[in-house]
Amino acid sequence: MRDKILFFVLSALAALTLSPLIAGVAVWVGTLAGMTSGALIILFGSTTAGVFAAFMTLASLAASLFFSKSK
């Protein structure tokens, strides 16, 4: 049980670290494309949330594969 908790904590920390970085790249590309500041704020928020959700979904799938009990 402790392994599962540690796995999810590390997955959440990795997702929280990588999500803003990936969203920052999206905002940088948006500034090169000439987007307004309001659109960039929306782009950053939605990209961060989407990437975080994707990473946590992948973490839950990996956890179900690695921690499943084989019969």
C-alpha atoms as a PDB file:
ATOM      1  CA  MET A   1       0.000   0.000   0.000  1.00  0.00           C
ATOM      2  CA  ARG A   2       2.852   2.358   0.800  1.00  0.00           C
ATOM      3  CA  ASP A   3       4.268   1.756  -2.687  1.00  0.00           C
ATOM      4  CA  LYS A   4       1.014   2.849  -4.296  1.00  0.00           C
ATOM      5  CA  ILE A   5       0.857   6.045  -2.258  1.00  0.00           C
ATOM      6  CA  LEU A   6       4.470   6.875  -3.031  1.00  0.00           C
ATOM      7  CA  PHE A   7       3.888   6.206  -6.724  1.00  0.00           C
ATOM      8  CA  PHE A   8       0.929   8.585  -6.881  1.00  0.00           C
ATOM      9  CA  VAL A   9       2.745  11.283  -4.887  1.00  0.00           C
ATOM     10  CA  LEU A  10       5.736  11.106  -7.222  1.00  0.00           C
ATOM     11  CA  SER A  11       3.447  11.062 -10.261  1.00  0.00           C
ATOM     12  CA  ALA A  12       1.598  14.129  -9.038  1.00  0.00           C
ATOM     13  CA  LEU A  13       4.858  15.973  -8.365  1.00  0.00           C
ATOM     14  CA  ALA A  14       6.142  15.107 -11.826  1.00  0.00           C
ATOM     15  CA  ALA A  15       2.870  16.221 -13.411  1.00  0.00           C
ATOM     16  CA  LEU A  16       2.862  19.471 -11.431  1.00  0.00           C
ATOM     17  CA  THR A  17       6.433  20.138 -12.522  1.00  0.00           C
ATOM     18  CA  LEU A  18       6.066  19.287 -16.205  1.00  0.00           C
ATOM     19  CA  SER A  19       2.606  20.753 -16.866  1.00  0.00           C
ATOM     20  CA  PRO A  20       3.603  24.439 -16.519  1.00  0.00           C
ATOM     21  CA  LEU A  21       6.773  23.838 -18.518  1.00  0.00           C
ATOM     22  CA  ILE A  22       4.853  22.367 -21.446  1.00  0.00           C
ATOM     23  CA  ALA A  23       2.244  25.129 -21.155  1.00  0.00           C
ATOM     24  CA  GLY A  24       5.059  27.699 -21.124  1.00  0.00           C
ATOM     25  CA  VAL A  25       6.289  26.365 -24.451  1.00  0.00           C
ATOM     26  CA  ALA A  26       2.744  26.637 -25.821  1.00  0.00           C
ATOM     27  CA  VAL A  27       2.537  30.261 -24.628  1.00  0.00           C
ATOM     28  CA  TRP A  28       5.935  31.029 -26.147  1.00  0.00           C
ATOM     29  CA  VAL A  29       4.732  29.687 -29.495  1.00  0.00           C
ATOM     30  CA  GLY A  30       1.550  31.720 -29.037  1.00  0.00           C
ATOM     31  CA  THR A  31       3.541  34.915 -28.542  1.00  0.00           C
ATOM     32  CA  LEU A  32       5.471  34.174 -31.721  1.00  0.00           C
ATOM     33  CA  ALA A  33       2.126  33.781 -33.498  1.00  0.00           C
ATOM     34  CA  GLY A  34       0.974  37.183 -32.179  1.00  0.00           C
ATOM     35  CA  MET A  35      -1.731  36.116 -29.715  1.00  0.00           C
ATOM     36  CA  THR A  36      -3.090  38.713 -27.288  1.00  0.00           C
ATOM     37  CA  SER A  37      -2.296  38.570 -23.577  1.00  0.00           C
ATOM     38  CA  GLY A  38      -5.818  37.440 -22.662  1.00  0.00           C
ATOM     39  CA  ALA A  39      -5.656  34.586 -25.122  1.00  0.00           C
ATOM     40  CA  LEU A  40      -2.230  33.616 -23.791  1.00  0.00           C
ATOM     41  CA  ILE A  41      -3.592  33.417 -20.232  1.00  0.00           C
ATOM     42  CA  ILE A  42      -6.409  31.141 -21.402  1.00  0.00           C
ATOM     43  CA  LEU A  43      -3.923  29.083 -23.429  1.00  0.00           C
ATOM     44  CA  PHE A  44      -1.626  28.662 -20.413  1.00  0.00           C
ATOM     45  CA  GLY A  45      -4.426  27.635 -18.055  1.00  0.00           C
ATOM     46  CA  SER A  46      -6.102  25.203 -20.395  1.00  0.00           C
ATOM     47  CA  THR A  47      -2.816  23.638 -21.519  1.00  0.00           C
ATOM     48  CA  THR A  48      -1.615  23.229 -17.932  1.00  0.00           C
ATOM     49  CA  ALA A  49      -4.876  21.582 -16.880  1.00  0.00           C
ATOM     50  CA  GLY A  50      -4.968  19.318 -19.907  1.00  0.00           C
ATOM     51  CA  VAL A  51      -1.371  18.178 -19.584  1.00  0.00           C
ATOM     52  CA  PHE A  52      -1.792  17.571 -15.842  1.00  0.00           C
ATOM     53  CA  ALA A  53      -4.909  15.475 -16.474  1.00  0.00           C
ATOM     54  CA  ALA A  54      -3.138  13.502 -19.190  1.00  0.00           C
ATOM     55  CA  PHE A  55      -0.123  12.794 -16.969  1.00  0.00           C
ATOM     56  CA  MET A  56      -2.282  11.690 -14.053  1.00  0.00           C
ATOM     57  CA  THR A  57      -4.328   9.451 -16.355  1.00  0.00           C
ATOM     58  CA  LEU A  58      -1.129   7.830 -17.581  1.00  0.00           C
ATOM     59  CA  ALA A  59       0.030   7.448 -13.990  1.00  0.00           C
ATOM     60  CA  SER A  60      -3.194   5.702 -13.003  1.00  0.00           C
ATOM     61  CA  LEU A  61      -2.934   3.369 -15.989  1.00  0.00           C
ATOM     62  CA  ALA A  62       0.672   2.566 -15.123  1.00  0.00           C
ATOM     63  CA  ALA A  63      -0.272   1.982 -11.500  1.00  0.00           C
ATOM     64  CA  SER A  64      -3.053  -0.386 -12.455  1.00  0.00           C
ATOM     65  CA  LEU A  65      -0.604  -2.350 -14.603  1.00  0.00           C
ATOM     66  CA  PHE A  66       2.251  -2.456 -12.104  1.00  0.00           C
ATOM     67  CA  PHE A  67       0.257  -2.918  -8.929  1.00  0.00           C
ATOM     68  CA  SER A  68      -2.423  -5.306 -10.131  1.00  0.00           C
ATOM     69  CA  LYS A  69      -2.544  -8.634  -8.365  1.00  0.00           C
ATOM     70  CA  SER A  70      -1.994 -11.522 -10.700  1.00  0.00           C
ATOM     71  CA  LYS A  71      -4.056 -14.611 -10.032  1.00  0.00           C
END
